[in-house]
Amino acid sequence: MEIYNTQNPIASKSNWLLSFVMMVLITFGVLILMQGLGLLLIKPLFGIPIDEMMSLFTGQSENSEGRMAFLFVQGLGTGFGFIVAALIIAKVVDKADLGFQQQMGRFKFIGLAITVLVMFGGILFNGLLIDWNANITLPESLSHIEKMMREKEDELMLLTKYLTDFDSFSEFLMGLLVIGLLAGLGEELLFRGVLQPKLQFYTGNAHMGIWLVAFIFSAIHLQFYGFFPRMLLGAIFGYLYHYSGSLVYPVIAHILNNSFTVILVYLNKLGKINFNIEESDQVSLPFALLGLVILLIGLKLFRDKSHNNPAHG
């Protein structure tokens, strides 16, 4: 079971709306401030003038330091921003104990091995969801909405390709740090570490809390054509935390998932493998279904091993 111990009145069920509004305001406030700080540091750290920043954040910069600067702002403004927001909400507003010592005590090697198995199955099955979600067609009456969402998707894909089109090993390492480590740690600390136990408490239902957080987690990425596979990943992370009571597992799982994609993109850039981040049909149906079986078996094994862990509870 997740750890989030607080007796502060603002975190009570009767104040759920106020608590949620405070969480939203603090999170977006911190993200804006951290990204603003990142922007202020671009010129002194990377020597990029202000008039070039627009091309930088539209993925069209030709500056040799542009990608590193963009990754820096992303890491500071989102990854590290989520960490700061989560700690402010938990420690300052809710005055909650996240029980980090207990969470580390619940982490076991067998759990880590099963987590890798779970993510292997999840990535395979998600390939099917990615392809299905990417090819959803809305009714003719909603064609204008579909057009806007497709245009937004194209813009985000352009940024993603720019961010991951590494020209050097140092850029690749920076990508792993920002997209893999900081994103995994920051998003899990906020969404699974803080929001999930709060929503489970407010709804009185663990599964509802997990899927609500997974929905919110996917929605904030503003990518409809990647919404469902990202929501599934969020749910997987949520169950890893719920079953084990240790945030270490979803953090590692999130880092593995993000880093795996970054590594594939880099190996493709080096000509070692054939991988196109824009293609959605990269997993066949039999392998996707095999992945679903592995995922379900892995989650059951993880739940059983976690419940048999003397430190759990």
Protein backbone atom coordinates (compact mmCIF):
# COMPACT_ATOMS: atom_id res chain seq x y z
CA MET A 1 0.00 0.00 0.00
CA GLU A 2 1.20 3.52 -0.81
CA ILE A 3 2.68 5.70 1.90
CA TYR A 4 1.30 9.20 2.39
CA ASN A 5 0.71 9.92 6.06
CA THR A 6 -0.89 13.25 6.89
CA GLN A 7 -3.38 14.59 9.41
CA ASN A 8 -3.47 18.10 7.96
CA PRO A 9 -7.10 19.30 7.52
CA ILE A 10 -6.49 20.45 3.94
CA ALA A 11 -5.83 16.82 2.94
CA SER A 12 -9.10 15.53 4.44
CA LYS A 13 -11.91 14.15 2.28
CA SER A 14 -14.11 17.15 2.98
CA ASN A 15 -11.46 19.44 1.46
CA TRP A 16 -10.71 17.30 -1.60
CA LEU A 17 -11.58 20.06 -4.10
CA LEU A 18 -9.46 22.69 -2.33
CA SER A 19 -6.61 20.20 -2.06
CA PHE A 20 -6.81 19.36 -5.77
CA VAL A 21 -6.97 23.03 -6.81
CA MET A 22 -3.97 23.83 -4.60
CA MET A 23 -2.07 20.96 -6.16
CA VAL A 24 -2.81 22.14 -9.69
CA LEU A 25 -1.89 25.76 -8.93
CA ILE A 26 1.35 24.82 -7.16
CA THR A 27 2.38 22.37 -9.88
CA PHE A 28 1.82 24.74 -12.79
CA GLY A 29 3.26 27.65 -10.82
CA VAL A 30 6.46 25.75 -10.08
CA LEU A 31 6.76 24.50 -13.67
CA ILE A 32 6.39 28.04 -15.03
CA LEU A 33 8.96 29.41 -12.58
CA MET A 34 11.46 26.62 -13.27
CA GLN A 35 11.08 26.95 -17.03
CA GLY A 36 11.46 30.71 -16.70
CA LEU A 37 14.67 30.16 -14.75
CA GLY A 38 15.85 27.77 -17.44
CA LEU A 39 15.21 30.38 -20.13
CA LEU A 40 17.14 33.01 -18.18
CA LEU A 41 20.11 30.65 -17.94
CA ILE A 42 20.22 29.75 -21.64
CA LYS A 43 22.28 32.76 -22.72
CA PRO A 44 24.92 32.65 -19.94
CA LEU A 45 25.27 28.85 -20.10
CA PHE A 46 24.96 28.17 -23.83
CA GLY A 47 25.56 31.56 -25.45
CA ILE A 48 22.27 31.50 -27.36
CA PRO A 49 20.81 35.00 -27.86
CA ILE A 50 17.20 35.76 -26.95
CA ASP A 51 16.12 36.30 -30.56
CA GLU A 52 17.00 32.67 -31.37
CA MET A 53 14.88 31.15 -28.60
CA MET A 54 11.69 30.98 -30.66
CA SER A 55 13.37 28.76 -33.27
CA LEU A 56 14.84 26.73 -30.42
CA PHE A 57 11.46 25.85 -28.96
CA THR A 58 9.87 25.09 -32.31
CA GLY A 59 12.54 22.53 -33.13
CA GLN A 60 14.01 24.63 -35.92
CA SER A 61 17.18 25.92 -34.31
CA GLU A 62 20.44 25.37 -36.19
CA ASN A 63 22.59 26.49 -33.27
CA SER A 64 25.15 23.84 -32.33
CA GLU A 65 24.23 24.26 -28.67
CA GLY A 66 20.48 24.39 -29.34
CA ARG A 67 19.65 20.77 -28.46
CA MET A 68 21.64 20.82 -25.21
CA ALA A 69 19.96 24.10 -24.25
CA PHE A 70 16.50 22.71 -25.01
CA LEU A 71 17.21 19.56 -22.99
CA PHE A 72 18.49 21.71 -20.14
CA VAL A 73 15.26 23.73 -20.03
CA GLN A 74 13.21 20.54 -20.24
CA GLY A 75 15.12 18.93 -17.41
CA LEU A 76 14.96 21.96 -15.15
CA GLY A 77 11.45 23.08 -16.08
CA THR A 78 9.63 19.74 -16.09
CA GLY A 79 11.64 16.89 -14.57
CA PHE A 80 13.13 18.86 -11.71
CA GLY A 81 10.03 21.06 -11.61
CA PHE A 82 7.80 18.06 -10.85
CA ILE A 83 10.15 17.04 -8.02
CA VAL A 84 10.00 20.50 -6.45
CA ALA A 85 6.21 20.71 -6.86
CA ALA A 86 5.69 17.28 -5.30
CA LEU A 87 7.84 18.13 -2.28
CA ILE A 88 6.11 21.50 -1.75
CA ILE A 89 2.66 19.88 -1.89
CA ALA A 90 3.60 17.00 0.37
CA LYS A 91 5.81 18.75 2.91
CA VAL A 92 4.52 22.33 2.99
CA VAL A 93 0.80 22.05 2.15
CA ASP A 94 -0.20 18.56 3.30
CA LYS A 95 2.63 18.20 5.84
CA ALA A 96 2.76 14.55 4.81
CA ASP A 97 5.32 11.86 5.46
CA LEU A 98 6.22 10.04 2.26
CA GLY A 99 8.03 7.34 4.24
CA PHE A 100 11.10 7.17 2.01
CA GLN A 101 12.92 4.90 4.47
CA GLN A 102 10.00 2.45 4.45
CA GLN A 103 9.82 2.61 0.68
CA MET A 104 13.50 1.77 0.32
CA GLY A 105 13.08 -1.06 2.83
CA ARG A 106 10.36 -2.59 0.67
CA PHE A 107 12.59 -2.65 -2.41
CA LYS A 108 13.91 -6.13 -3.20
CA PHE A 109 15.96 -7.58 -6.06
CA ILE A 110 13.26 -10.13 -6.97
CA GLY A 111 10.80 -7.26 -7.28
CA LEU A 112 13.20 -5.44 -9.60
CA ALA A 113 13.57 -8.53 -11.80
CA ILE A 114 9.79 -8.91 -12.06
CA THR A 115 9.45 -5.17 -12.78
CA VAL A 116 11.73 -5.61 -15.80
CA LEU A 117 9.52 -8.51 -16.93
CA VAL A 118 6.39 -6.40 -16.46
CA MET A 119 7.83 -3.54 -18.50
CA PHE A 120 8.96 -5.91 -21.25
CA GLY A 121 5.42 -7.19 -21.59
CA GLY A 122 3.98 -3.69 -21.26
CA ILE A 123 6.19 -2.28 -24.02
CA LEU A 124 5.28 -5.13 -26.38
CA PHE A 125 1.54 -4.81 -25.78
CA ASN A 126 1.70 -1.03 -25.87
CA GLY A 127 2.98 -1.32 -29.44
CA LEU A 128 -0.50 -2.49 -30.43
CA LEU A 129 -2.17 0.34 -28.51
CA ILE A 130 0.19 2.90 -30.05
CA ASP A 131 -0.72 1.79 -33.55
CA TRP A 132 -4.47 1.69 -32.81
CA ASN A 133 -4.46 5.07 -31.04
CA ALA A 134 -2.41 6.72 -33.80
CA ASN A 135 -4.94 5.68 -36.42
CA ILE A 136 -8.17 6.68 -34.66
CA THR A 137 -10.49 8.58 -36.98
CA LEU A 138 -13.17 10.83 -35.54
CA PRO A 139 -16.66 11.23 -37.07
CA GLU A 140 -17.03 13.71 -39.93
CA SER A 141 -18.86 16.13 -37.61
CA LEU A 142 -15.68 16.37 -35.52
CA SER A 143 -13.28 16.70 -38.45
CA HIS A 144 -12.20 20.21 -37.42
CA ILE A 145 -11.24 18.92 -33.97
CA GLU A 146 -9.37 16.00 -35.52
CA LYS A 147 -7.48 18.41 -37.78
CA MET A 148 -6.40 20.53 -34.80
CA MET A 149 -5.29 17.47 -32.84
CA ARG A 150 -3.34 16.13 -35.83
CA GLU A 151 -1.60 19.49 -36.26
CA LYS A 152 -0.73 19.55 -32.55
CA GLU A 153 0.58 15.99 -32.82
CA ASP A 154 2.78 16.97 -35.77
CA GLU A 155 4.19 19.92 -33.81
CA LEU A 156 5.02 17.72 -30.82
CA MET A 157 6.58 15.07 -33.06
CA LEU A 158 8.77 17.75 -34.64
CA LEU A 159 9.98 18.76 -31.16
CA THR A 160 10.51 15.13 -30.15
CA LYS A 161 12.58 14.44 -33.25
CA TYR A 162 14.62 17.57 -32.65
CA LEU A 163 15.24 16.66 -29.01
CA THR A 164 16.33 13.10 -29.81
CA ASP A 165 18.31 13.70 -33.00
CA PHE A 166 21.56 13.52 -31.04
CA ASP A 167 24.69 14.73 -32.81
CA SER A 168 27.10 13.51 -30.13
CA PHE A 169 27.45 11.06 -27.29
CA SER A 170 27.26 13.92 -24.79
CA GLU A 171 23.86 14.93 -26.21
CA PHE A 172 22.75 11.31 -25.93
CA LEU A 173 23.78 11.22 -22.27
CA MET A 174 21.96 14.50 -21.67
CA GLY A 175 18.89 12.97 -23.31
CA LEU A 176 19.07 9.95 -21.01
CA LEU A 177 19.40 12.25 -17.99
CA VAL A 178 16.48 14.52 -18.93
CA ILE A 179 14.06 12.21 -20.77
CA GLY A 180 14.91 9.09 -18.80
CA LEU A 181 16.06 9.87 -15.27
CA LEU A 182 14.57 13.27 -14.43
CA ALA A 183 11.24 12.69 -16.18
CA GLY A 184 10.86 9.27 -14.59
CA LEU A 185 11.75 10.46 -11.11
CA GLY A 186 9.82 13.74 -11.23
CA GLU A 187 6.60 12.42 -12.76
CA GLU A 188 6.47 9.38 -10.48
CA LEU A 189 7.10 11.41 -7.33
CA LEU A 190 4.23 13.76 -8.18
CA PHE A 191 1.69 11.46 -9.83
CA ARG A 192 2.23 8.17 -8.04
CA GLY A 193 3.91 9.41 -4.87
CA VAL A 194 1.55 12.29 -4.05
CA LEU A 195 -1.55 12.29 -6.26
CA GLN A 196 -2.28 8.57 -6.32
CA PRO A 197 -2.60 7.99 -2.56
CA LYS A 198 -4.63 11.21 -2.27
CA LEU A 199 -7.13 10.15 -4.95
CA GLN A 200 -7.36 6.65 -3.52
CA PHE A 201 -8.18 8.18 -0.16
CA TYR A 202 -10.74 10.58 -1.65
CA THR A 203 -12.48 7.93 -3.79
CA GLY A 204 -12.15 5.08 -1.30
CA ASN A 205 -11.17 2.77 -4.16
CA ALA A 206 -7.58 1.82 -4.96
CA HIS A 207 -8.24 0.86 -8.59
CA MET A 208 -10.21 4.03 -9.28
CA GLY A 209 -7.40 6.11 -7.82
CA ILE A 210 -4.80 4.35 -9.97
CA TRP A 211 -6.75 4.79 -13.22
CA LEU A 212 -7.76 8.39 -12.46
CA VAL A 213 -4.11 9.29 -11.95
CA ALA A 214 -3.17 7.38 -15.12
CA PHE A 215 -5.82 9.40 -17.01
CA ILE A 216 -4.53 12.71 -15.65
CA PHE A 217 -0.92 11.66 -16.23
CA SER A 218 -1.66 10.97 -19.90
CA ALA A 219 -3.89 14.01 -20.38
CA ILE A 220 -1.24 16.54 -19.29
CA HIS A 221 1.00 15.43 -22.16
CA LEU A 222 -1.60 16.91 -24.58
CA GLN A 223 -1.21 14.10 -27.13
CA PHE A 224 -4.54 12.51 -28.01
CA TYR A 225 -2.91 10.14 -30.51
CA GLY A 226 -0.72 8.75 -27.76
CA PHE A 227 -3.27 9.04 -24.95
CA PHE A 228 -4.27 5.41 -24.40
CA PRO A 229 -0.80 3.78 -24.47
CA ARG A 230 0.47 6.45 -22.08
CA MET A 231 -2.52 5.89 -19.79
CA LEU A 232 -1.77 2.16 -19.73
CA LEU A 233 1.82 2.90 -18.75
CA GLY A 234 0.56 5.18 -15.98
CA ALA A 235 -1.69 2.40 -14.70
CA ILE A 236 1.20 -0.08 -14.74
CA PHE A 237 3.33 2.32 -12.72
CA GLY A 238 0.39 2.83 -10.37
CA TYR A 239 -0.07 -0.88 -9.71
CA LEU A 240 3.65 -1.36 -9.14
CA TYR A 241 3.44 1.24 -6.37
CA HIS A 242 0.11 0.00 -5.00
CA TYR A 243 1.21 -3.63 -4.76
CA SER A 244 4.66 -2.96 -3.30
CA GLY A 245 4.29 0.23 -1.28
CA SER A 246 7.64 1.31 -2.73
CA LEU A 247 7.89 4.19 -5.18
CA VAL A 248 11.27 2.83 -6.25
CA TYR A 249 9.66 0.29 -8.59
CA PRO A 250 7.54 2.69 -10.69
CA VAL A 251 10.45 5.15 -10.82
CA ILE A 252 12.73 2.46 -12.22
CA ALA A 253 10.01 1.23 -14.58
CA HIS A 254 9.38 4.76 -15.87
CA ILE A 255 13.09 5.39 -16.37
CA LEU A 256 13.48 2.07 -18.21
CA ASN A 257 10.55 2.83 -20.51
CA ASN A 258 11.75 6.33 -21.41
CA SER A 259 15.41 5.38 -21.68
CA PHE A 260 14.60 2.39 -23.90
CA THR A 261 13.09 4.69 -26.53
CA VAL A 262 16.00 7.15 -26.29
CA ILE A 263 18.49 4.31 -26.77
CA LEU A 264 16.58 2.95 -29.79
CA VAL A 265 16.55 6.40 -31.40
CA TYR A 266 20.28 6.83 -30.82
CA LEU A 267 21.15 3.35 -32.16
CA ASN A 268 19.09 4.15 -35.25
CA LYS A 269 21.04 7.41 -35.66
CA LEU A 270 24.28 5.40 -35.51
CA GLY A 271 22.94 2.98 -38.12
CA LYS A 272 23.02 0.01 -35.73
CA ILE A 273 19.29 -0.75 -35.95
CA ASN A 274 16.29 0.31 -38.01
CA PHE A 275 13.91 2.28 -35.81
CA ASN A 276 11.63 5.15 -36.81
CA ILE A 277 10.05 7.04 -33.92
CA GLU A 278 7.29 8.25 -36.26
CA GLU A 279 6.14 4.74 -37.20
CA SER A 280 3.42 3.24 -35.01
CA ASP A 281 3.16 -0.31 -36.42
CA GLN A 282 6.46 -1.67 -35.11
CA VAL A 283 5.03 -4.60 -33.09
CA SER A 284 3.08 -7.43 -34.74
CA LEU A 285 -0.21 -8.65 -33.29
CA PRO A 286 1.16 -12.02 -32.02
CA PHE A 287 4.03 -10.29 -30.20
CA ALA A 288 1.67 -7.68 -28.76
CA LEU A 289 -0.65 -10.39 -27.42
CA LEU A 290 2.35 -12.25 -26.02
CA GLY A 291 3.30 -8.99 -24.32
CA LEU A 292 -0.16 -8.76 -22.74
CA VAL A 293 0.22 -12.27 -21.31
CA ILE A 294 3.68 -11.45 -19.96
CA LEU A 295 2.37 -8.19 -18.49
CA LEU A 296 -0.54 -9.84 -16.67
CA ILE A 297 1.55 -12.74 -15.38
CA GLY A 298 4.29 -10.32 -14.33
CA LEU A 299 1.88 -8.10 -12.39
CA LYS A 300 0.41 -11.14 -10.61
CA LEU A 301 3.88 -12.39 -9.68
CA PHE A 302 4.81 -8.90 -8.51
CA ARG A 303 1.68 -8.62 -6.36
CA ASP A 304 2.21 -12.07 -4.82
CA LYS A 305 5.90 -11.49 -4.08
CA SER A 306 5.19 -8.05 -2.63
CA HIS A 307 2.47 -9.38 -0.33
CA ASN A 308 4.85 -12.11 0.87
CA ASN A 309 7.49 -9.52 1.69
CA PRO A 310 7.76 -9.18 5.51
CA ALA A 311 8.50 -5.46 5.07
CA HIS A 312 5.20 -4.91 3.26
CA GLY A 313 2.21 -3.70 5.18
